[in-house]
PDB file of all heavy atoms in Angstrom:
ATOM      1  N   ALA A   1      -1.750  13.130  -9.588  1.00  0.00           N
ATOM      2  CA  ALA A   1      -1.127  14.346 -10.093  1.00  0.00           C
ATOM      3  C   ALA A   1       0.169  14.579  -9.233  1.00  0.00           C
ATOM      4  O   ALA A   1       0.145  14.340  -8.032  1.00  0.00           O
ATOM      5  CB  ALA A   1      -2.020  15.547 -10.038  1.00  0.00           C
ATOM      6  N   ASP A   2       1.224  15.018  -9.905  1.00  0.00           N
ATOM      7  CA  ASP A   2       2.458  15.169  -9.152  1.00  0.00           C
ATOM      8  C   ASP A   2       2.436  16.443  -8.305  1.00  0.00           C
ATOM      9  O   ASP A   2       3.460  16.731  -7.582  1.00  0.00           O
ATOM     10  CB  ASP A   2       3.675  15.169 -10.084  1.00  0.00           C
ATOM     11  CG  ASP A   2       3.689  16.274 -11.150  1.00  0.00           C
ATOM     12  OD1 ASP A   2       2.804  17.200 -11.034  1.00  0.00           O
ATOM     13  OD2 ASP A   2       4.546  16.215 -12.018  1.00  0.00           O
ATOM     14  N   ASP A   3       1.346  17.196  -8.333  1.00  0.00           N
ATOM     15  CA  ASP A   3       1.252  18.454  -7.524  1.00  0.00           C
ATOM     16  C   ASP A   3       0.280  18.227  -6.369  1.00  0.00           C
ATOM     17  O   ASP A   3      -0.129  19.173  -5.703  1.00  0.00           O
ATOM     18  CB  ASP A   3       0.793  19.606  -8.393  1.00  0.00           C
ATOM     19  CG  ASP A   3      -0.552  19.340  -9.097  1.00  0.00           C
ATOM     20  OD1 ASP A   3      -1.330  18.436  -8.661  1.00  0.00           O
ATOM     21  OD2 ASP A   3      -0.847  20.021 -10.180  1.00  0.00           O
ATOM     22  N   SER A   4      -0.020  16.960  -6.017  1.00  0.00           N
ATOM     23  CA  SER A   4      -0.939  16.699  -4.933  1.00  0.00           C
ATOM     24  C   SER A   4      -0.305  17.028  -3.569  1.00  0.00           C
ATOM     25  O   SER A   4       0.881  16.790  -3.321  1.00  0.00           O
ATOM     26  CB  SER A   4      -1.333  15.227  -4.877  1.00  0.00           C
ATOM     27  OG  SER A   4      -2.198  14.903  -5.898  1.00  0.00           O
ATOM     28  N   VAL A   5      -1.145  17.616  -2.712  1.00  0.00           N
ATOM     29  CA  VAL A   5      -0.693  18.071  -1.380  1.00  0.00           C
ATOM     30  C   VAL A   5      -1.738  17.572  -0.369  1.00  0.00           C
ATOM     31  O   VAL A   5      -2.909  17.710  -0.599  1.00  0.00           O
ATOM     32  CB  VAL A   5      -0.506  19.569  -1.284  1.00  0.00           C
ATOM     33  CG1 VAL A   5      -0.255  20.004   0.162  1.00  0.00           C
ATOM     34  CG2 VAL A   5       0.664  20.031  -2.109  1.00  0.00           C
ATOM     35  N   ASN A   6      -1.300  17.016   0.776  1.00  0.00           N
ATOM     36  CA  ASN A   6      -2.235  16.668   1.877  1.00  0.00           C
ATOM     37  C   ASN A   6      -2.025  17.743   2.943  1.00  0.00           C
ATOM     38  O   ASN A   6      -0.873  18.249   3.183  1.00  0.00           O
ATOM     39  CB  ASN A   6      -1.861  15.319   2.418  1.00  0.00           C
ATOM     40  CG  ASN A   6      -2.220  14.171   1.448  1.00  0.00           C
ATOM     41  OD1 ASN A   6      -2.970  14.433   0.491  1.00  0.00           O
ATOM     42  ND2 ASN A   6      -1.593  13.055   1.611  1.00  0.00           N
ATOM     43  N   TYR A   7      -3.116  18.032   3.662  1.00  0.00           N
ATOM     44  CA  TYR A   7      -3.110  19.052   4.694  1.00  0.00           C
ATOM     45  C   TYR A   7      -3.508  18.535   6.091  1.00  0.00           C
ATOM     46  O   TYR A   7      -4.406  17.655   6.110  1.00  0.00           O
ATOM     47  CB  TYR A   7      -4.036  20.184   4.288  1.00  0.00           C
ATOM     48  CG  TYR A   7      -3.736  20.868   2.983  1.00  0.00           C
ATOM     49  CD1 TYR A   7      -4.360  20.538   1.806  1.00  0.00           C
ATOM     50  CD2 TYR A   7      -2.740  21.859   2.947  1.00  0.00           C
ATOM     51  CE1 TYR A   7      -4.043  21.206   0.641  1.00  0.00           C
ATOM     52  CE2 TYR A   7      -2.364  22.518   1.732  1.00  0.00           C
ATOM     53  CZ  TYR A   7      -3.117  22.122   0.564  1.00  0.00           C
ATOM     54  OH  TYR A   7      -2.790  22.759  -0.591  1.00  0.00           O
ATOM     55  N   ARG A   8      -2.914  19.019   7.068  1.00  0.00           N
ATOM     56  CA  ARG A   8      -3.285  18.635   8.464  1.00  0.00           C
ATOM     57  C   ARG A   8      -3.568  19.871   9.293  1.00  0.00           C
ATOM     58  O   ARG A   8      -2.793  20.769   9.365  1.00  0.00           O
ATOM     59  CB  ARG A   8      -2.054  17.885   9.059  1.00  0.00           C
ATOM     60  CG  ARG A   8      -2.322  17.378  10.486  1.00  0.00           C
ATOM     61  CD  ARG A   8      -1.040  16.884  11.133  1.00  0.00           C
ATOM     62  NE  ARG A   8      -1.277  16.320  12.451  1.00  0.00           N
ATOM     63  CZ  ARG A   8      -0.293  16.327  13.419  1.00  0.00           C
ATOM     64  NH1 ARG A   8       0.900  16.861  13.161  1.00  0.00           N
ATOM     65  NH2 ARG A   8      -0.551  15.821  14.544  1.00  0.00           N
ATOM     66  N   PHE A   9      -4.775  19.821   9.896  1.00  0.00           N
ATOM     67  CA  PHE A   9      -5.186  20.810  10.884  1.00  0.00           C
ATOM     68  C   PHE A   9      -5.031  20.104  12.235  1.00  0.00           C
ATOM     69  O   PHE A   9      -5.992  19.429  12.701  1.00  0.00           O
ATOM     70  CB  PHE A   9      -6.555  21.269  10.626  1.00  0.00           C
ATOM     71  CG  PHE A   9      -6.798  21.974   9.342  1.00  0.00           C
ATOM     72  CD1 PHE A   9      -6.884  21.342   8.129  1.00  0.00           C
ATOM     73  CD2 PHE A   9      -6.900  23.371   9.285  1.00  0.00           C
ATOM     74  CE1 PHE A   9      -7.095  21.969   6.912  1.00  0.00           C
ATOM     75  CE2 PHE A   9      -7.132  24.062   8.094  1.00  0.00           C
ATOM     76  CZ  PHE A   9      -7.263  23.359   6.874  1.00  0.00           C
ATOM     77  N   ALA A  10      -3.921  20.278  12.863  1.00  0.00           N
ATOM     78  CA  ALA A  10      -3.586  19.548  14.067  1.00  0.00           C
ATOM     79  C   ALA A  10      -4.573  19.805  15.203  1.00  0.00           C
ATOM     80  O   ALA A  10      -5.014  18.864  15.950  1.00  0.00           O
ATOM     81  CB  ALA A  10      -2.203  19.793  14.523  1.00  0.00           C
ATOM     82  N   ASP A  11      -5.005  21.060  15.348  1.00  0.00           N
ATOM     83  CA  ASP A  11      -5.922  21.416  16.441  1.00  0.00           C
ATOM     84  C   ASP A  11      -7.251  20.697  16.269  1.00  0.00           C
ATOM     85  O   ASP A  11      -8.004  20.513  17.237  1.00  0.00           O
ATOM     86  CB  ASP A  11      -6.126  22.915  16.471  1.00  0.00           C
ATOM     87  CG  ASP A  11      -4.879  23.629  17.008  1.00  0.00           C
ATOM     88  OD1 ASP A  11      -3.938  22.947  17.544  1.00  0.00           O
ATOM     89  OD2 ASP A  11      -4.816  24.888  16.876  1.00  0.00           O
ATOM     90  N   LEU A  12      -7.641  20.393  15.011  1.00  0.00           N
ATOM     91  CA  LEU A  12      -8.956  19.700  14.780  1.00  0.00           C
ATOM     92  C   LEU A  12      -8.776  18.214  14.608  1.00  0.00           C
ATOM     93  O   LEU A  12      -9.734  17.470  14.346  1.00  0.00           O
ATOM     94  CB  LEU A  12      -9.527  20.306  13.482  1.00  0.00           C
ATOM     95  CG  LEU A  12      -9.861  21.774  13.529  1.00  0.00           C
ATOM     96  CD1 LEU A  12     -10.352  22.264  12.161  1.00  0.00           C
ATOM     97  CD2 LEU A  12     -10.871  22.087  14.610  1.00  0.00           C
ATOM     98  N   GLU A  13      -7.475  17.742  14.659  1.00  0.00           N
ATOM     99  CA  GLU A  13      -7.146  16.303  14.473  1.00  0.00           C
ATOM    100  C   GLU A  13      -7.676  15.797  13.115  1.00  0.00           C
ATOM    101  O   GLU A  13      -8.196  14.707  12.910  1.00  0.00           O
ATOM    102  CB  GLU A  13      -7.745  15.438  15.592  1.00  0.00           C
ATOM    103  CG  GLU A  13      -7.191  15.761  16.951  1.00  0.00           C
ATOM    104  CD  GLU A  13      -7.678  14.862  18.023  1.00  0.00           C
ATOM    105  OE1 GLU A  13      -8.860  14.907  18.330  1.00  0.00           O
ATOM    106  OE2 GLU A  13      -6.874  14.065  18.564  1.00  0.00           O
ATOM    107  N   LEU A  14      -7.520  16.737  12.089  1.00  0.00           N
ATOM    108  CA  LEU A  14      -8.102  16.531  10.787  1.00  0.00           C
ATOM    109  C   LEU A  14      -7.039  16.525   9.705  1.00  0.00           C
ATOM    110  O   LEU A  14      -6.082  17.313   9.753  1.00  0.00           O
ATOM    111  CB  LEU A  14      -9.046  17.768  10.468  1.00  0.00           C
ATOM    112  CG  LEU A  14      -9.514  17.902   9.033  1.00  0.00           C
ATOM    113  CD1 LEU A  14     -10.528  16.826   8.673  1.00  0.00           C
ATOM    114  CD2 LEU A  14     -10.204  19.292   8.937  1.00  0.00           C
ATOM    115  N   CYS A  15      -7.200  15.608   8.744  1.00  0.00           N
ATOM    116  CA  CYS A  15      -6.361  15.570   7.534  1.00  0.00           C
ATOM    117  C   CYS A  15      -7.289  15.636   6.350  1.00  0.00           C
ATOM    118  O   CYS A  15      -8.263  14.886   6.237  1.00  0.00           O
ATOM    119  CB  CYS A  15      -5.561  14.230   7.468  1.00  0.00           C
ATOM    120  SG  CYS A  15      -4.733  13.985   5.918  1.00  0.00           S
ATOM    121  N   VAL A  16      -6.990  16.534   5.459  1.00  0.00           N
ATOM    122  CA  VAL A  16      -7.716  16.648   4.165  1.00  0.00           C
ATOM    123  C   VAL A  16      -6.728  16.292   3.051  1.00  0.00           C
ATOM    124  O   VAL A  16      -5.592  16.868   3.054  1.00  0.00           O
ATOM    125  CB  VAL A  16      -8.306  18.083   3.924  1.00  0.00           C
ATOM    126  CG1 VAL A  16      -9.060  18.135   2.593  1.00  0.00           C
ATOM    127  CG2 VAL A  16      -9.158  18.536   5.091  1.00  0.00           C
ATOM    128  N   HIS A  17      -7.053  15.368   2.142  1.00  0.00           N
ATOM    129  CA  HIS A  17      -6.070  14.677   1.355  1.00  0.00           C
ATOM    130  C   HIS A  17      -6.550  14.345  -0.047  1.00  0.00           C
ATOM    131  O   HIS A  17      -7.744  14.423  -0.287  1.00  0.00           O
ATOM    132  CB  HIS A  17      -5.601  13.428   2.083  1.00  0.00           C
ATOM    133  CG  HIS A  17      -6.787  12.423   2.180  1.00  0.00           C
ATOM    134  ND1 HIS A  17      -6.950  11.428   1.262  1.00  0.00           N
ATOM    135  CD2 HIS A  17      -7.775  12.310   3.052  1.00  0.00           C
ATOM    136  CE1 HIS A  17      -8.028  10.743   1.535  1.00  0.00           C
ATOM    137  NE2 HIS A  17      -8.588  11.291   2.605  1.00  0.00           N
ATOM    138  N   ASN A  18      -5.640  13.814  -0.825  1.00  0.00           N
ATOM    139  CA  ASN A  18      -5.970  13.220  -2.081  1.00  0.00           C
ATOM    140  C   ASN A  18      -5.316  11.818  -2.247  1.00  0.00           C
ATOM    141  O   ASN A  18      -4.965  11.367  -3.300  1.00  0.00           O
ATOM    142  CB  ASN A  18      -5.488  14.101  -3.246  1.00  0.00           C
ATOM    143  CG  ASN A  18      -5.845  13.512  -4.627  1.00  0.00           C
ATOM    144  OD1 ASN A  18      -6.930  13.039  -4.807  1.00  0.00           O
ATOM    145  ND2 ASN A  18      -4.927  13.648  -5.594  1.00  0.00           N
ATOM    146  N   SER A  19      -5.137  11.162  -1.127  1.00  0.00           N
ATOM    147  CA  SER A  19      -4.361   9.900  -1.099  1.00  0.00           C
ATOM    148  C   SER A  19      -5.225   8.628  -0.941  1.00  0.00           C
ATOM    149  O   SER A  19      -4.742   7.570  -1.416  1.00  0.00           O
ATOM    150  CB  SER A  19      -3.344   9.892   0.089  1.00  0.00           C
ATOM    151  OG  SER A  19      -2.273  10.857  -0.195  1.00  0.00           O
ATOM    152  N   VAL A  20      -6.323   8.658  -0.317  1.00  0.00           N
ATOM    153  CA  VAL A  20      -7.192   7.500  -0.084  1.00  0.00           C
ATOM    154  C   VAL A  20      -8.489   7.759  -0.794  1.00  0.00           C
ATOM    155  O   VAL A  20      -9.286   8.607  -0.346  1.00  0.00           O
ATOM    156  CB  VAL A  20      -7.344   7.165   1.401  1.00  0.00           C
ATOM    157  CG1 VAL A  20      -8.282   6.000   1.566  1.00  0.00           C
ATOM    158  CG2 VAL A  20      -6.008   6.934   2.023  1.00  0.00           C
ATOM    159  N   TRP A  21      -8.771   6.980  -1.841  1.00  0.00           N
ATOM    160  CA  TRP A  21     -10.009   7.236  -2.598  1.00  0.00           C
ATOM    161  C   TRP A  21     -11.105   6.289  -2.199  1.00  0.00           C
ATOM    162  O   TRP A  21     -10.900   5.302  -1.539  1.00  0.00           O
ATOM    163  CB  TRP A  21      -9.701   7.030  -4.108  1.00  0.00           C
ATOM    164  CG  TRP A  21      -8.831   8.063  -4.681  1.00  0.00           C
ATOM    165  CD1 TRP A  21      -8.363   9.210  -4.176  1.00  0.00           C
ATOM    166  CD2 TRP A  21      -8.380   8.144  -6.092  1.00  0.00           C
ATOM    167  NE1 TRP A  21      -7.656   9.966  -5.096  1.00  0.00           N
ATOM    168  CE2 TRP A  21      -7.637   9.249  -6.252  1.00  0.00           C
ATOM    169  CE3 TRP A  21      -8.480   7.221  -7.157  1.00  0.00           C
ATOM    170  CZ2 TRP A  21      -6.985   9.595  -7.498  1.00  0.00           C
ATOM    171  CZ3 TRP A  21      -7.872   7.522  -8.370  1.00  0.00           C
ATOM    172  CH2 TRP A  21      -7.103   8.687  -8.485  1.00  0.00           C
ATOM    173  N   PRO A  22     -12.426   6.506  -2.714  1.00  0.00           N
ATOM    174  CA  PRO A  22     -13.507   5.649  -2.412  1.00  0.00           C
ATOM    175  C   PRO A  22     -13.519   4.402  -3.375  1.00  0.00           C
ATOM    176  O   PRO A  22     -14.587   3.858  -3.660  1.00  0.00           O
ATOM    177  CB  PRO A  22     -14.708   6.517  -2.588  1.00  0.00           C
ATOM    178  CG  PRO A  22     -14.309   7.441  -3.630  1.00  0.00           C
ATOM    179  CD  PRO A  22     -12.826   7.752  -3.374  1.00  0.00           C
ATOM    180  N   ALA A  23     -12.346   4.061  -3.909  1.00  0.00           N
ATOM    181  CA  ALA A  23     -12.207   2.874  -4.759  1.00  0.00           C
ATOM    182  C   ALA A  23     -10.717   2.605  -4.890  1.00  0.00           C
ATOM    183  O   ALA A  23      -9.890   3.471  -4.583  1.00  0.00           O
ATOM    184  CB  ALA A  23     -12.800   3.099  -6.176  1.00  0.00           C
ATOM    185  N   LEU A  24     -10.360   1.414  -5.363  1.00  0.00           N
ATOM    186  CA  LEU A  24      -8.939   1.054  -5.586  1.00  0.00           C
ATOM    187  C   LEU A  24      -8.300   2.152  -6.384  1.00  0.00           C
ATOM    188  O   LEU A  24      -8.788   2.597  -7.445  1.00  0.00           O
ATOM    189  CB  LEU A  24      -8.880  -0.243  -6.342  1.00  0.00           C
ATOM    190  CG  LEU A  24      -7.426  -0.687  -6.720  1.00  0.00           C
ATOM    191  CD1 LEU A  24      -6.622  -1.076  -5.454  1.00  0.00           C
ATOM    192  CD2 LEU A  24      -7.526  -1.912  -7.673  1.00  0.00           C
ATOM    193  N   PHE A  25      -7.078   2.555  -6.001  1.00  0.00           N
ATOM    194  CA  PHE A  25      -6.405   3.660  -6.671  1.00  0.00           C
ATOM    195  C   PHE A  25      -6.032   3.258  -8.088  1.00  0.00           C
ATOM    196  O   PHE A  25      -5.629   2.140  -8.385  1.00  0.00           O
ATOM    197  CB  PHE A  25      -5.147   4.032  -5.907  1.00  0.00           C
ATOM    198  CG  PHE A  25      -4.353   5.138  -6.632  1.00  0.00           C
ATOM    199  CD1 PHE A  25      -4.822   6.385  -6.681  1.00  0.00           C
ATOM    200  CD2 PHE A  25      -3.179   4.802  -7.357  1.00  0.00           C
ATOM    201  CE1 PHE A  25      -4.123   7.381  -7.338  1.00  0.00           C
ATOM    202  CE2 PHE A  25      -2.482   5.782  -8.045  1.00  0.00           C
ATOM    203  CZ  PHE A  25      -2.979   7.078  -8.042  1.00  0.00           C
ATOM    204  N   ASN A  26      -6.197   4.252  -8.989  1.00  0.00           N
ATOM    205  CA  ASN A  26      -5.857   4.063 -10.398  1.00  0.00           C
ATOM    206  C   ASN A  26      -4.337   4.264 -10.596  1.00  0.00           C
ATOM    207  O   ASN A  26      -3.920   5.393 -10.844  1.00  0.00           O
ATOM    208  CB  ASN A  26      -6.628   5.005 -11.298  1.00  0.00           C
ATOM    209  CG  ASN A  26      -7.849   4.333 -11.960  1.00  0.00           C
ATOM    210  OD1 ASN A  26      -8.181   3.219 -11.591  1.00  0.00           O
ATOM    211  ND2 ASN A  26      -8.470   5.071 -12.843  1.00  0.00           N
ATOM    212  N   VAL A  27      -3.545   3.220 -10.528  1.00  0.00           N
ATOM    213  CA  VAL A  27      -2.146   3.322 -10.967  1.00  0.00           C
ATOM    214  C   VAL A  27      -2.144   3.712 -12.492  1.00  0.00           C
ATOM    215  O   VAL A  27      -1.301   4.474 -12.889  1.00  0.00           O
ATOM    216  CB  VAL A  27      -1.404   2.009 -10.735  1.00  0.00           C
ATOM    217  CG1 VAL A  27      -0.005   2.104 -11.285  1.00  0.00           C
ATOM    218  CG2 VAL A  27      -1.347   1.653  -9.254  1.00  0.00           C
ATOM    219  N   TYR A  28      -3.164   3.220 -13.186  1.00  0.00           N
ATOM    220  CA  TYR A  28      -3.268   3.627 -14.610  1.00  0.00           C
ATOM    221  C   TYR A  28      -4.644   3.957 -14.899  1.00  0.00           C
ATOM    222  O   TYR A  28      -5.620   3.202 -14.714  1.00  0.00           O
ATOM    223  CB  TYR A  28      -2.858   2.443 -15.522  1.00  0.00           C
ATOM    224  CG  TYR A  28      -2.931   2.824 -16.991  1.00  0.00           C
ATOM    225  CD1 TYR A  28      -2.039   3.755 -17.530  1.00  0.00           C
ATOM    226  CD2 TYR A  28      -3.934   2.290 -17.780  1.00  0.00           C
ATOM    227  CE1 TYR A  28      -2.151   4.165 -18.836  1.00  0.00           C
ATOM    228  CE2 TYR A  28      -4.029   2.671 -19.126  1.00  0.00           C
ATOM    229  CZ  TYR A  28      -3.133   3.590 -19.618  1.00  0.00           C
ATOM    230  OH  TYR A  28      -3.203   3.979 -20.947  1.00  0.00           O
ATOM    231  N   ALA A  29      -4.875   5.200 -15.381  1.00  0.00           N
ATOM    232  CA  ALA A  29      -6.158   5.691 -15.824  1.00  0.00           C
ATOM    233  C   ALA A  29      -6.231   5.599 -17.336  1.00  0.00           C
ATOM    234  O   ALA A  29      -5.335   6.082 -18.062  1.00  0.00           O
ATOM    235  CB  ALA A  29      -6.432   7.126 -15.386  1.00  0.00           C
ATOM    236  N   ILE A  30      -7.282   4.992 -17.913  1.00  0.00           N
ATOM    237  CA  ILE A  30      -7.322   4.765 -19.299  1.00  0.00           C
ATOM    238  C   ILE A  30      -7.503   6.037 -20.109  1.00  0.00           C
ATOM    239  O   ILE A  30      -7.436   6.026 -21.371  1.00  0.00           O
ATOM    240  CB  ILE A  30      -8.455   3.750 -19.721  1.00  0.00           C
ATOM    241  CG1 ILE A  30      -9.814   4.323 -19.321  1.00  0.00           C
ATOM    242  CG2 ILE A  30      -8.235   2.448 -19.095  1.00  0.00           C
ATOM    243  CD1 ILE A  30     -10.980   3.517 -19.888  1.00  0.00           C
ATOM    244  N   ARG A  31      -7.664   7.214 -19.474  1.00  0.00           N
ATOM    245  CA  ARG A  31      -7.643   8.467 -20.226  1.00  0.00           C
ATOM    246  C   ARG A  31      -6.223   8.802 -20.723  1.00  0.00           C
ATOM    247  O   ARG A  31      -5.997   9.695 -21.500  1.00  0.00           O
ATOM    248  CB  ARG A  31      -8.216   9.603 -19.466  1.00  0.00           C
ATOM    249  CG  ARG A  31      -7.377  10.000 -18.222  1.00  0.00           C
ATOM    250  CD  ARG A  31      -7.945  11.251 -17.580  1.00  0.00           C
ATOM    251  NE  ARG A  31      -7.281  11.680 -16.404  1.00  0.00           N
ATOM    252  CZ  ARG A  31      -7.554  11.383 -15.169  1.00  0.00           C
ATOM    253  NH1 ARG A  31      -8.562  10.532 -14.923  1.00  0.00           N
ATOM    254  NH2 ARG A  31      -6.819  11.815 -14.149  1.00  0.00           N
ATOM    255  N   VAL A  32      -5.270   8.080 -20.190  1.00  0.00           N
ATOM    256  CA  VAL A  32      -3.804   8.179 -20.455  1.00  0.00           C
ATOM    257  C   VAL A  32      -3.258   9.320 -19.607  1.00  0.00           C
ATOM    258  O   VAL A  32      -3.587  10.503 -19.723  1.00  0.00           O
ATOM    259  CB  VAL A  32      -3.486   8.427 -21.973  1.00  0.00           C
ATOM    260  CG1 VAL A  32      -1.978   8.435 -22.192  1.00  0.00           C
ATOM    261  CG2 VAL A  32      -4.130   7.307 -22.804  1.00  0.00           C
ATOM    262  N   GLU A  33      -2.290   8.924 -18.763  1.00  0.00           N
ATOM    263  CA  GLU A  33      -1.624   9.858 -17.889  1.00  0.00           C
ATOM    264  C   GLU A  33      -0.176   9.485 -17.767  1.00  0.00           C
ATOM    265  O   GLU A  33       0.194   8.346 -18.167  1.00  0.00           O
ATOM    266  CB  GLU A  33      -2.286   9.888 -16.453  1.00  0.00           C
ATOM    267  CG  GLU A  33      -3.517  10.772 -16.376  1.00  0.00           C
ATOM    268  CD  GLU A  33      -3.183  12.208 -16.248  1.00  0.00           C
ATOM    269  OE1 GLU A  33      -1.994  12.597 -16.345  1.00  0.00           O
ATOM    270  OE2 GLU A  33      -4.150  13.048 -16.032  1.00  0.00           O
ATOM    271  N   GLU A  34       0.616  10.292 -17.172  1.00  0.00           N
ATOM    272  CA  GLU A  34       1.988   9.972 -16.894  1.00  0.00           C
ATOM    273  C   GLU A  34       2.045   8.885 -15.813  1.00  0.00           C
ATOM    274  O   GLU A  34       1.119   8.680 -15.073  1.00  0.00           O
ATOM    275  CB  GLU A  34       2.793  11.257 -16.393  1.00  0.00           C
ATOM    276  CG  GLU A  34       2.875  12.311 -17.511  1.00  0.00           C
ATOM    277  CD  GLU A  34       3.527  13.566 -16.997  1.00  0.00           C
ATOM    278  OE1 GLU A  34       3.601  13.747 -15.754  1.00  0.00           O
ATOM    279  OE2 GLU A  34       3.954  14.403 -17.893  1.00  0.00           O
ATOM    280  N   TYR A  35       3.157   8.222 -15.788  1.00  0.00           N
ATOM    281  CA  TYR A  35       3.332   7.033 -14.889  1.00  0.00           C
ATOM    282  C   TYR A  35       3.161   7.433 -13.396  1.00  0.00           C
ATOM    283  O   TYR A  35       3.756   8.392 -12.973  1.00  0.00           O
ATOM    284  CB  TYR A  35       4.683   6.361 -15.089  1.00  0.00           C
ATOM    285  CG  TYR A  35       4.966   5.171 -14.253  1.00  0.00           C
ATOM    286  CD1 TYR A  35       3.994   4.164 -14.060  1.00  0.00           C
ATOM    287  CD2 TYR A  35       6.157   5.078 -13.575  1.00  0.00           C
ATOM    288  CE1 TYR A  35       4.259   3.069 -13.264  1.00  0.00           C
ATOM    289  CE2 TYR A  35       6.428   3.940 -12.786  1.00  0.00           C
ATOM    290  CZ  TYR A  35       5.504   2.917 -12.624  1.00  0.00           C
ATOM    291  OH  TYR A  35       5.735   1.813 -11.864  1.00  0.00           O
ATOM    292  N   ARG A  36       2.298   6.721 -12.746  1.00  0.00           N
ATOM    293  CA  ARG A  36       2.016   6.898 -11.327  1.00  0.00           C
ATOM    294  C   ARG A  36       2.789   5.843 -10.571  1.00  0.00           C
ATOM    295  O   ARG A  36       2.272   4.756 -10.333  1.00  0.00           O
ATOM    296  CB  ARG A  36       0.548   6.898 -11.005  1.00  0.00           C
ATOM    297  CG  ARG A  36      -0.257   7.913 -11.797  1.00  0.00           C
ATOM    298  CD  ARG A  36      -1.759   7.712 -11.676  1.00  0.00           C
ATOM    299  NE  ARG A  36      -2.523   8.696 -12.376  1.00  0.00           N
ATOM    300  CZ  ARG A  36      -3.830   8.754 -12.434  1.00  0.00           C
ATOM    301  NH1 ARG A  36      -4.543   7.826 -11.790  1.00  0.00           N
ATOM    302  NH2 ARG A  36      -4.479   9.680 -13.112  1.00  0.00           N
ATOM    303  N   ASP A  37       4.034   6.104 -10.219  1.00  0.00           N
ATOM    304  CA  ASP A  37       4.960   5.147  -9.590  1.00  0.00           C
ATOM    305  C   ASP A  37       4.455   4.817  -8.164  1.00  0.00           C
ATOM    306  O   ASP A  37       4.366   5.631  -7.251  1.00  0.00           O
ATOM    307  CB  ASP A  37       6.323   5.730  -9.508  1.00  0.00           C
ATOM    308  CG  ASP A  37       7.399   4.715  -9.112  1.00  0.00           C
ATOM    309  OD1 ASP A  37       7.036   3.686  -8.463  1.00  0.00           O
ATOM    310  OD2 ASP A  37       8.521   4.880  -9.502  1.00  0.00           O
ATOM    311  N   PRO A  38       4.063   3.526  -7.906  1.00  0.00           N
ATOM    312  CA  PRO A  38       3.592   3.169  -6.600  1.00  0.00           C
ATOM    313  C   PRO A  38       4.545   3.463  -5.500  1.00  0.00           C
ATOM    314  O   PRO A  38       4.116   3.763  -4.360  1.00  0.00           O
ATOM    315  CB  PRO A  38       3.338   1.626  -6.709  1.00  0.00           C
ATOM    316  CG  PRO A  38       3.003   1.481  -8.172  1.00  0.00           C
ATOM    317  CD  PRO A  38       3.890   2.396  -8.876  1.00  0.00           C
TER     318      PRO A  38
END
């Protein structure tokens, strides 16, 4: 999604994100989406 945001809590040395998934990233999802430019 083009509205994705990653967050960093520096004091906790923590990043909460939507960038690294538990599987190969879907450049193309068969449900049909706008182009996800690598």
